[in-house]
Each structure stands twice: as structure tokens, then as C-alpha cells.
PDB file of all heavy atoms in Angstrom:
ATOM      1  N   VAL A   1     -15.781   9.787  -9.512  1.00  0.00           N
ATOM      2  CA  VAL A   1     -14.672   8.846  -9.317  1.00  0.00           C
ATOM      3  C   VAL A   1     -13.852   9.241  -8.095  1.00  0.00           C
ATOM      4  O   VAL A   1     -13.496   8.403  -7.260  1.00  0.00           O
ATOM      5  CB  VAL A   1     -13.780   8.779 -10.572  1.00  0.00           C
ATOM      6  CG1 VAL A   1     -12.531   7.946 -10.301  1.00  0.00           C
ATOM      7  CG2 VAL A   1     -14.555   8.196 -11.748  1.00  0.00           C
ATOM      8  N   PHE A   2     -13.565  10.525  -7.956  1.00  0.00           N
ATOM      9  CA  PHE A   2     -12.759  10.992  -6.832  1.00  0.00           C
ATOM     10  C   PHE A   2     -13.429  10.676  -5.496  1.00  0.00           C
ATOM     11  O   PHE A   2     -12.762  10.297  -4.528  1.00  0.00           O
ATOM     12  CB  PHE A   2     -12.517  12.489  -6.944  1.00  0.00           C
ATOM     13  CG  PHE A   2     -11.414  12.865  -7.905  1.00  0.00           C
ATOM     14  CD1 PHE A   2     -10.749  11.899  -8.636  1.00  0.00           C
ATOM     15  CD2 PHE A   2     -11.048  14.193  -8.092  1.00  0.00           C
ATOM     16  CE1 PHE A   2      -9.740  12.229  -9.526  1.00  0.00           C
ATOM     17  CE2 PHE A   2     -10.044  14.540  -8.972  1.00  0.00           C
ATOM     18  CZ  PHE A   2      -9.392  13.570  -9.697  1.00  0.00           C
ATOM     19  N   MET A   3     -14.759  10.853  -5.422  1.00  0.00           N
ATOM     20  CA  MET A   3     -15.447  10.640  -4.152  1.00  0.00           C
ATOM     21  C   MET A   3     -15.386   9.191  -3.712  1.00  0.00           C
ATOM     22  O   MET A   3     -15.120   8.893  -2.546  1.00  0.00           O
ATOM     23  CB  MET A   3     -16.900  11.130  -4.232  1.00  0.00           C
ATOM     24  CG  MET A   3     -17.034  12.633  -4.076  1.00  0.00           C
ATOM     25  SD  MET A   3     -18.736  13.177  -3.785  1.00  0.00           S
ATOM     26  CE  MET A   3     -19.457  12.937  -5.401  1.00  0.00           C
ATOM     27  N   PHE A   4     -15.614   8.252  -4.632  1.00  0.00           N
ATOM     28  CA  PHE A   4     -15.572   6.880  -4.132  1.00  0.00           C
ATOM     29  C   PHE A   4     -14.157   6.329  -4.033  1.00  0.00           C
ATOM     30  O   PHE A   4     -13.924   5.339  -3.344  1.00  0.00           O
ATOM     31  CB  PHE A   4     -16.517   5.920  -4.868  1.00  0.00           C
ATOM     32  CG  PHE A   4     -16.342   5.760  -6.344  1.00  0.00           C
ATOM     33  CD1 PHE A   4     -15.172   5.303  -6.894  1.00  0.00           C
ATOM     34  CD2 PHE A   4     -17.408   6.025  -7.188  1.00  0.00           C
ATOM     35  CE1 PHE A   4     -15.028   5.112  -8.241  1.00  0.00           C
ATOM     36  CE2 PHE A   4     -17.275   5.844  -8.561  1.00  0.00           C
ATOM     37  CZ  PHE A   4     -16.097   5.399  -9.092  1.00  0.00           C
ATOM     38  N   ILE A   5     -13.182   6.970  -4.668  1.00  0.00           N
ATOM     39  CA  ILE A   5     -11.794   6.602  -4.391  1.00  0.00           C
ATOM     40  C   ILE A   5     -11.441   7.010  -2.962  1.00  0.00           C
ATOM     41  O   ILE A   5     -10.801   6.269  -2.218  1.00  0.00           O
ATOM     42  CB  ILE A   5     -10.841   7.256  -5.409  1.00  0.00           C
ATOM     43  CG1 ILE A   5     -10.923   6.512  -6.745  1.00  0.00           C
ATOM     44  CG2 ILE A   5      -9.410   7.247  -4.888  1.00  0.00           C
ATOM     45  CD1 ILE A   5     -10.033   7.084  -7.830  1.00  0.00           C
ATOM     46  N   CYS A   6     -11.895   8.209  -2.561  1.00  0.00           N
ATOM     47  CA  CYS A   6     -11.641   8.656  -1.188  1.00  0.00           C
ATOM     48  C   CYS A   6     -12.388   7.791  -0.179  1.00  0.00           C
ATOM     49  O   CYS A   6     -11.910   7.559   0.928  1.00  0.00           O
ATOM     50  CB  CYS A   6     -12.057  10.118  -1.022  1.00  0.00           C
ATOM     51  SG  CYS A   6     -10.936  11.270  -1.829  1.00  0.00           S
ATOM     52  N   ALA A   7     -13.584   7.321  -0.561  1.00  0.00           N
ATOM     53  CA  ALA A   7     -14.337   6.447   0.331  1.00  0.00           C
ATOM     54  C   ALA A   7     -13.660   5.097   0.481  1.00  0.00           C
ATOM     55  O   ALA A   7     -13.694   4.483   1.549  1.00  0.00           O
ATOM     56  CB  ALA A   7     -15.763   6.257  -0.209  1.00  0.00           C
ATOM     57  N   GLY A   8     -13.011   4.623  -0.589  1.00  0.00           N
ATOM     58  CA  GLY A   8     -12.457   3.281  -0.585  1.00  0.00           C
ATOM     59  C   GLY A   8     -11.002   3.169  -0.211  1.00  0.00           C
ATOM     60  O   GLY A   8     -10.491   2.072  -0.011  1.00  0.00           O
ATOM     61  N   MET A   9     -10.309   4.292  -0.119  1.00  0.00           N
ATOM     62  CA  MET A   9      -8.885   4.260   0.215  1.00  0.00           C
ATOM     63  C   MET A   9      -8.629   5.080   1.464  1.00  0.00           C
ATOM     64  O   MET A   9      -8.968   6.257   1.525  1.00  0.00           O
ATOM     65  CB  MET A   9      -8.045   4.811  -0.944  1.00  0.00           C
ATOM     66  CG  MET A   9      -8.064   3.928  -2.178  1.00  0.00           C
ATOM     67  SD  MET A   9      -7.216   4.710  -3.562  1.00  0.00           S
ATOM     68  CE  MET A   9      -5.584   4.919  -2.888  1.00  0.00           C
ATOM     69  N   GLY A  10      -8.042   4.453   2.461  1.00  0.00           N
ATOM     70  CA  GLY A  10      -7.741   5.166   3.685  1.00  0.00           C
ATOM     71  C   GLY A  10      -6.550   6.091   3.517  1.00  0.00           C
ATOM     72  O   GLY A  10      -5.762   5.970   2.570  1.00  0.00           O
ATOM     73  N   SER A  11      -6.423   7.029   4.442  1.00  0.00           N
ATOM     74  CA  SER A  11      -5.313   7.971   4.387  1.00  0.00           C
ATOM     75  C   SER A  11      -3.974   7.276   4.581  1.00  0.00           C
ATOM     76  O   SER A  11      -2.922   7.827   4.218  1.00  0.00           O
ATOM     77  CB  SER A  11      -5.495   9.042   5.463  1.00  0.00           C
ATOM     78  OG  SER A  11      -5.727   8.448   6.722  1.00  0.00           O
ATOM     79  N   SER A  12      -3.989   6.058   5.118  1.00  0.00           N
ATOM     80  CA  SER A  12      -2.731   5.318   5.266  1.00  0.00           C
ATOM     81  C   SER A  12      -2.134   4.950   3.913  1.00  0.00           C
ATOM     82  O   SER A  12      -0.981   4.517   3.837  1.00  0.00           O
ATOM     83  CB  SER A  12      -2.950   4.045   6.087  1.00  0.00           C
ATOM     84  OG  SER A  12      -3.901   3.205   5.474  1.00  0.00           O
ATOM     85  N   THR A  13      -2.907   5.131   2.829  1.00  0.00           N
ATOM     86  CA  THR A  13      -2.371   4.928   1.487  1.00  0.00           C
ATOM     87  C   THR A  13      -1.134   5.786   1.276  1.00  0.00           C
ATOM     88  O   THR A  13      -0.194   5.394   0.579  1.00  0.00           O
ATOM     89  CB  THR A  13      -3.433   5.288   0.422  1.00  0.00           C
ATOM     90  OG1 THR A  13      -4.616   4.538   0.670  1.00  0.00           O
ATOM     91  CG2 THR A  13      -2.934   4.990  -0.977  1.00  0.00           C
ATOM     92  N   MET A  14      -1.123   6.981   1.885  1.00  0.00           N
ATOM     93  CA  MET A  14       0.037   7.859   1.768  1.00  0.00           C
ATOM     94  C   MET A  14       1.281   7.196   2.369  1.00  0.00           C
ATOM     95  O   MET A  14       2.391   7.332   1.842  1.00  0.00           O
ATOM     96  CB  MET A  14      -0.240   9.192   2.469  1.00  0.00           C
ATOM     97  CG  MET A  14      -1.394   9.988   1.898  1.00  0.00           C
ATOM     98  SD  MET A  14      -1.044  10.685   0.272  1.00  0.00           S
ATOM     99  CE  MET A  14       0.201  11.906   0.650  1.00  0.00           C
ATOM    100  N   TYR A  15       1.079   6.473   3.465  1.00  0.00           N
ATOM    101  CA  TYR A  15       2.195   5.766   4.101  1.00  0.00           C
ATOM    102  C   TYR A  15       2.620   4.568   3.252  1.00  0.00           C
ATOM    103  O   TYR A  15       3.807   4.392   2.944  1.00  0.00           O
ATOM    104  CB  TYR A  15       1.781   5.306   5.492  1.00  0.00           C
ATOM    105  CG  TYR A  15       2.790   4.397   6.164  1.00  0.00           C
ATOM    106  CD1 TYR A  15       3.889   4.923   6.831  1.00  0.00           C
ATOM    107  CD2 TYR A  15       2.640   3.005   6.128  1.00  0.00           C
ATOM    108  CE1 TYR A  15       4.825   4.092   7.440  1.00  0.00           C
ATOM    109  CE2 TYR A  15       3.565   2.170   6.735  1.00  0.00           C
ATOM    110  CZ  TYR A  15       4.654   2.715   7.383  1.00  0.00           C
ATOM    111  OH  TYR A  15       5.571   1.889   7.968  1.00  0.00           O
ATOM    112  N   TRP A  16       1.649   3.734   2.873  1.00  0.00           N
ATOM    113  CA  TRP A  16       1.976   2.534   2.100  1.00  0.00           C
ATOM    114  C   TRP A  16       2.604   2.910   0.751  1.00  0.00           C
ATOM    115  O   TRP A  16       3.453   2.175   0.237  1.00  0.00           O
ATOM    116  CB  TRP A  16       0.721   1.693   1.864  1.00  0.00           C
ATOM    117  CG  TRP A  16       0.104   1.132   3.103  1.00  0.00           C
ATOM    118  CD1 TRP A  16      -1.147   1.377   3.583  1.00  0.00           C
ATOM    119  CD2 TRP A  16       0.698   0.210   4.033  1.00  0.00           C
ATOM    120  NE1 TRP A  16      -1.364   0.685   4.748  1.00  0.00           N
ATOM    121  CE2 TRP A  16      -0.247  -0.044   5.046  1.00  0.00           C
ATOM    122  CE3 TRP A  16       1.944  -0.413   4.105  1.00  0.00           C
ATOM    123  CZ2 TRP A  16      -0.003  -0.890   6.112  1.00  0.00           C
ATOM    124  CZ3 TRP A  16       2.197  -1.266   5.175  1.00  0.00           C
ATOM    125  CH2 TRP A  16       1.229  -1.492   6.158  1.00  0.00           C
ATOM    126  N   GLY A  17       2.178   4.040   0.186  1.00  0.00           N
ATOM    127  CA  GLY A  17       2.706   4.449  -1.108  1.00  0.00           C
ATOM    128  C   GLY A  17       4.204   4.710  -1.095  1.00  0.00           C
ATOM    129  O   GLY A  17       4.852   4.684  -2.145  1.00  0.00           O
ATOM    130  N   VAL A  18       4.779   4.967   0.058  1.00  0.00           N
ATOM    131  CA  VAL A  18       6.214   5.184   0.186  1.00  0.00           C
ATOM    132  C   VAL A  18       6.921   3.930   0.699  1.00  0.00           C
ATOM    133  O   VAL A  18       8.023   3.590   0.251  1.00  0.00           O
ATOM    134  CB  VAL A  18       6.506   6.362   1.142  1.00  0.00           C
ATOM    135  CG1 VAL A  18       8.012   6.570   1.306  1.00  0.00           C
ATOM    136  CG2 VAL A  18       5.850   7.641   0.638  1.00  0.00           C
ATOM    137  N   MET A  19       6.276   3.189   1.615  1.00  0.00           N
ATOM    138  CA  MET A  19       6.984   2.174   2.405  1.00  0.00           C
ATOM    139  C   MET A  19       6.631   0.717   2.103  1.00  0.00           C
ATOM    140  O   MET A  19       7.357  -0.180   2.533  1.00  0.00           O
ATOM    141  CB  MET A  19       6.714   2.417   3.896  1.00  0.00           C
ATOM    142  CG  MET A  19       7.352   3.665   4.456  1.00  0.00           C
ATOM    143  SD  MET A  19       9.155   3.661   4.268  1.00  0.00           S
ATOM    144  CE  MET A  19       9.584   2.143   5.113  1.00  0.00           C
ATOM    145  N   GLU A  20       5.562   0.450   1.381  1.00  0.00           N
ATOM    146  CA  GLU A  20       5.107  -0.944   1.298  1.00  0.00           C
ATOM    147  C   GLU A  20       6.161  -1.870   0.698  1.00  0.00           C
ATOM    148  O   GLU A  20       6.326  -3.014   1.140  1.00  0.00           O
ATOM    149  CB  GLU A  20       3.801  -1.030   0.498  1.00  0.00           C
ATOM    150  CG  GLU A  20       3.179  -2.412   0.522  1.00  0.00           C
ATOM    151  CD  GLU A  20       1.745  -2.416   0.043  1.00  0.00           C
ATOM    152  OE1 GLU A  20       1.048  -1.400   0.221  1.00  0.00           O
ATOM    153  OE2 GLU A  20       1.311  -3.434  -0.497  1.00  0.00           O
ATOM    154  N   TRP A  21       6.867  -1.412  -0.304  1.00  0.00           N
ATOM    155  CA  TRP A  21       7.862  -2.268  -0.953  1.00  0.00           C
ATOM    156  C   TRP A  21       8.911  -2.786   0.045  1.00  0.00           C
ATOM    157  O   TRP A  21       9.404  -3.915  -0.099  1.00  0.00           O
ATOM    158  CB  TRP A  21       8.577  -1.502  -2.071  1.00  0.00           C
ATOM    159  CG  TRP A  21       9.547  -0.472  -1.562  1.00  0.00           C
ATOM    160  CD1 TRP A  21       9.279   0.825  -1.248  1.00  0.00           C
ATOM    161  CD2 TRP A  21      10.929  -0.678  -1.264  1.00  0.00           C
ATOM    162  NE1 TRP A  21      10.408   1.458  -0.780  1.00  0.00           N
ATOM    163  CE2 TRP A  21      11.448   0.560  -0.781  1.00  0.00           C
ATOM    164  CE3 TRP A  21      11.807  -1.763  -1.349  1.00  0.00           C
ATOM    165  CZ2 TRP A  21      12.762   0.730  -0.395  1.00  0.00           C
ATOM    166  CZ3 TRP A  21      13.120  -1.603  -0.954  1.00  0.00           C
ATOM    167  CH2 TRP A  21      13.602  -0.368  -0.496  1.00  0.00           C
ATOM    168  N   ALA A  22       9.245  -1.965   1.042  1.00  0.00           N
ATOM    169  CA  ALA A  22      10.295  -2.350   1.990  1.00  0.00           C
ATOM    170  C   ALA A  22       9.864  -3.532   2.845  1.00  0.00           C
ATOM    171  O   ALA A  22      10.698  -4.380   3.218  1.00  0.00           O
ATOM    172  CB  ALA A  22      10.663  -1.156   2.868  1.00  0.00           C
ATOM    173  N   TYR A  23       8.579  -3.610   3.190  1.00  0.00           N
ATOM    174  CA  TYR A  23       8.073  -4.776   3.930  1.00  0.00           C
ATOM    175  C   TYR A  23       8.260  -6.041   3.087  1.00  0.00           C
ATOM    176  O   TYR A  23       8.667  -7.091   3.598  1.00  0.00           O
ATOM    177  CB  TYR A  23       6.591  -4.594   4.252  1.00  0.00           C
ATOM    178  CG  TYR A  23       6.298  -3.576   5.324  1.00  0.00           C
ATOM    179  CD1 TYR A  23       6.064  -2.242   5.003  1.00  0.00           C
ATOM    180  CD2 TYR A  23       6.233  -3.940   6.667  1.00  0.00           C
ATOM    181  CE1 TYR A  23       5.770  -1.299   5.981  1.00  0.00           C
ATOM    182  CE2 TYR A  23       5.941  -3.008   7.658  1.00  0.00           C
ATOM    183  CZ  TYR A  23       5.718  -1.688   7.309  1.00  0.00           C
ATOM    184  OH  TYR A  23       5.434  -0.774   8.286  1.00  0.00           O
ATOM    185  N   TYR A  24       7.951  -5.952   1.804  1.00  0.00           N
ATOM    186  CA  TYR A  24       8.036  -7.119   0.933  1.00  0.00           C
ATOM    187  C   TYR A  24       9.488  -7.465   0.611  1.00  0.00           C
ATOM    188  O   TYR A  24       9.818  -8.635   0.369  1.00  0.00           O
ATOM    189  CB  TYR A  24       7.273  -6.863  -0.370  1.00  0.00           C
ATOM    190  CG  TYR A  24       5.811  -6.508  -0.165  1.00  0.00           C
ATOM    191  CD1 TYR A  24       5.112  -5.785  -1.126  1.00  0.00           C
ATOM    192  CD2 TYR A  24       5.135  -6.889   0.995  1.00  0.00           C
ATOM    193  CE1 TYR A  24       3.780  -5.464  -0.947  1.00  0.00           C
ATOM    194  CE2 TYR A  24       3.802  -6.558   1.183  1.00  0.00           C
ATOM    195  CZ  TYR A  24       3.127  -5.840   0.218  1.00  0.00           C
ATOM    196  OH  TYR A  24       1.809  -5.515   0.401  1.00  0.00           O
ATOM    197  N   TYR A  25      10.368  -6.489   0.585  1.00  0.00           N
ATOM    198  CA  TYR A  25      11.792  -6.757   0.350  1.00  0.00           C
ATOM    199  C   TYR A  25      12.378  -7.536   1.529  1.00  0.00           C
ATOM    200  O   TYR A  25      13.177  -8.461   1.335  1.00  0.00           O
ATOM    201  CB  TYR A  25      12.533  -5.432   0.163  1.00  0.00           C
ATOM    202  CG  TYR A  25      14.023  -5.577  -0.026  1.00  0.00           C
ATOM    203  CD1 TYR A  25      14.547  -6.044  -1.239  1.00  0.00           C
ATOM    204  CD2 TYR A  25      14.907  -5.235   0.991  1.00  0.00           C
ATOM    205  CE1 TYR A  25      15.921  -6.171  -1.416  1.00  0.00           C
ATOM    206  CE2 TYR A  25      16.282  -5.357   0.819  1.00  0.00           C
ATOM    207  CZ  TYR A  25      16.780  -5.832  -0.379  1.00  0.00           C
ATOM    208  OH  TYR A  25      18.141  -5.955  -0.553  1.00  0.00           O
ATOM    209  N   ASN A  26      11.960  -7.174   2.725  1.00  0.00           N
ATOM    210  CA  ASN A  26      12.447  -7.874   3.918  1.00  0.00           C
ATOM    211  C   ASN A  26      11.833  -9.264   4.058  1.00  0.00           C
ATOM    212  O   ASN A  26      12.475 -10.183   4.564  1.00  0.00           O
ATOM    213  CB  ASN A  26      12.146  -7.061   5.175  1.00  0.00           C
ATOM    214  CG  ASN A  26      13.031  -5.837   5.315  1.00  0.00           C
ATOM    215  OD1 ASN A  26      14.151  -5.828   4.824  1.00  0.00           O
ATOM    216  ND2 ASN A  26      12.524  -4.803   5.970  1.00  0.00           N
ATOM    217  N   SER A  27      10.582  -9.416   3.630  1.00  0.00           N
ATOM    218  CA  SER A  27       9.881 -10.709   3.754  1.00  0.00           C
ATOM    219  C   SER A  27       9.059 -10.938   2.488  1.00  0.00           C
ATOM    220  O   SER A  27       7.847 -10.705   2.464  1.00  0.00           O
ATOM    221  CB  SER A  27       8.966 -10.711   4.986  1.00  0.00           C
ATOM    222  OG  SER A  27       9.697 -10.430   6.156  1.00  0.00           O
ATOM    223  N   PRO A  28       9.678 -11.389   1.390  1.00  0.00           N
ATOM    224  CA  PRO A  28       8.991 -11.477   0.096  1.00  0.00           C
ATOM    225  C   PRO A  28       7.971 -12.610   0.023  1.00  0.00           C
ATOM    226  O   PRO A  28       7.994 -13.558   0.817  1.00  0.00           O
ATOM    227  CB  PRO A  28      10.130 -11.726  -0.899  1.00  0.00           C
ATOM    228  CG  PRO A  28      11.389 -11.604  -0.133  1.00  0.00           C
ATOM    229  CD  PRO A  28      11.064 -11.798   1.309  1.00  0.00           C
ATOM    230  N   GLY A  29       7.099 -12.499  -0.980  1.00  0.00           N
ATOM    231  CA  GLY A  29       6.155 -13.570  -1.277  1.00  0.00           C
ATOM    232  C   GLY A  29       6.725 -14.531  -2.305  1.00  0.00           C
ATOM    233  O   GLY A  29       7.871 -14.394  -2.752  1.00  0.00           O
ATOM    234  N   LEU A  30       5.925 -15.523  -2.674  1.00  0.00           N
ATOM    235  CA  LEU A  30       6.281 -16.515  -3.695  1.00  0.00           C
ATOM    236  C   LEU A  30       7.570 -17.255  -3.364  1.00  0.00           C
ATOM    237  O   LEU A  30       8.269 -17.745  -4.255  1.00  0.00           O
ATOM    238  CB  LEU A  30       6.413 -15.844  -5.079  1.00  0.00           C
ATOM    239  CG  LEU A  30       5.173 -15.109  -5.607  1.00  0.00           C
ATOM    240  CD1 LEU A  30       5.458 -14.480  -6.971  1.00  0.00           C
ATOM    241  CD2 LEU A  30       3.985 -16.051  -5.691  1.00  0.00           C
ATOM    242  N   ASN A  31       7.886 -17.337  -2.065  1.00  0.00           N
ATOM    243  CA  ASN A  31       9.082 -18.042  -1.587  1.00  0.00           C
ATOM    244  C   ASN A  31      10.380 -17.493  -2.174  1.00  0.00           C
ATOM    245  O   ASN A  31      11.375 -18.215  -2.332  1.00  0.00           O
ATOM    246  CB  ASN A  31       8.981 -19.552  -1.890  1.00  0.00           C
ATOM    247  CG  ASN A  31       7.929 -20.217  -1.030  1.00  0.00           C
ATOM    248  OD1 ASN A  31       7.700 -19.826   0.113  1.00  0.00           O
ATOM    249  ND2 ASN A  31       7.259 -21.221  -1.583  1.00  0.00           N
ATOM    250  N   ILE A  32      10.395 -16.215  -2.495  1.00  0.00           N
ATOM    251  CA  ILE A  32      11.609 -15.552  -2.982  1.00  0.00           C
ATOM    252  C   ILE A  32      12.515 -15.252  -1.793  1.00  0.00           C
ATOM    253  O   ILE A  32      12.050 -14.911  -0.703  1.00  0.00           O
ATOM    254  CB  ILE A  32      11.232 -14.249  -3.716  1.00  0.00           C
ATOM    255  CG1 ILE A  32      10.400 -14.570  -4.965  1.00  0.00           C
ATOM    256  CG2 ILE A  32      12.462 -13.443  -4.088  1.00  0.00           C
ATOM    257  CD1 ILE A  32       9.794 -13.346  -5.624  1.00  0.00           C
TER     258      ILE A  32
END
């Protein structure tokens, strides 16, 4: 499981894991 998780997830996951919510807060989906 660990090997194909590493194959399927880029190292940028570390960045998105901290910051992704802020992009959506500034520009939300579902017309919020």
C-alpha cells in the first residue's frame, strides 16, 4: 500500500496538505 501511495501522490501533497483550504476560502466552489 505504501509503495503505490508514493507512486500516486506527488511530494506537493505536503504543500497542499497545509494550504489547499486557503485557495478554496478565497475562491469557493458551489457558488458560495
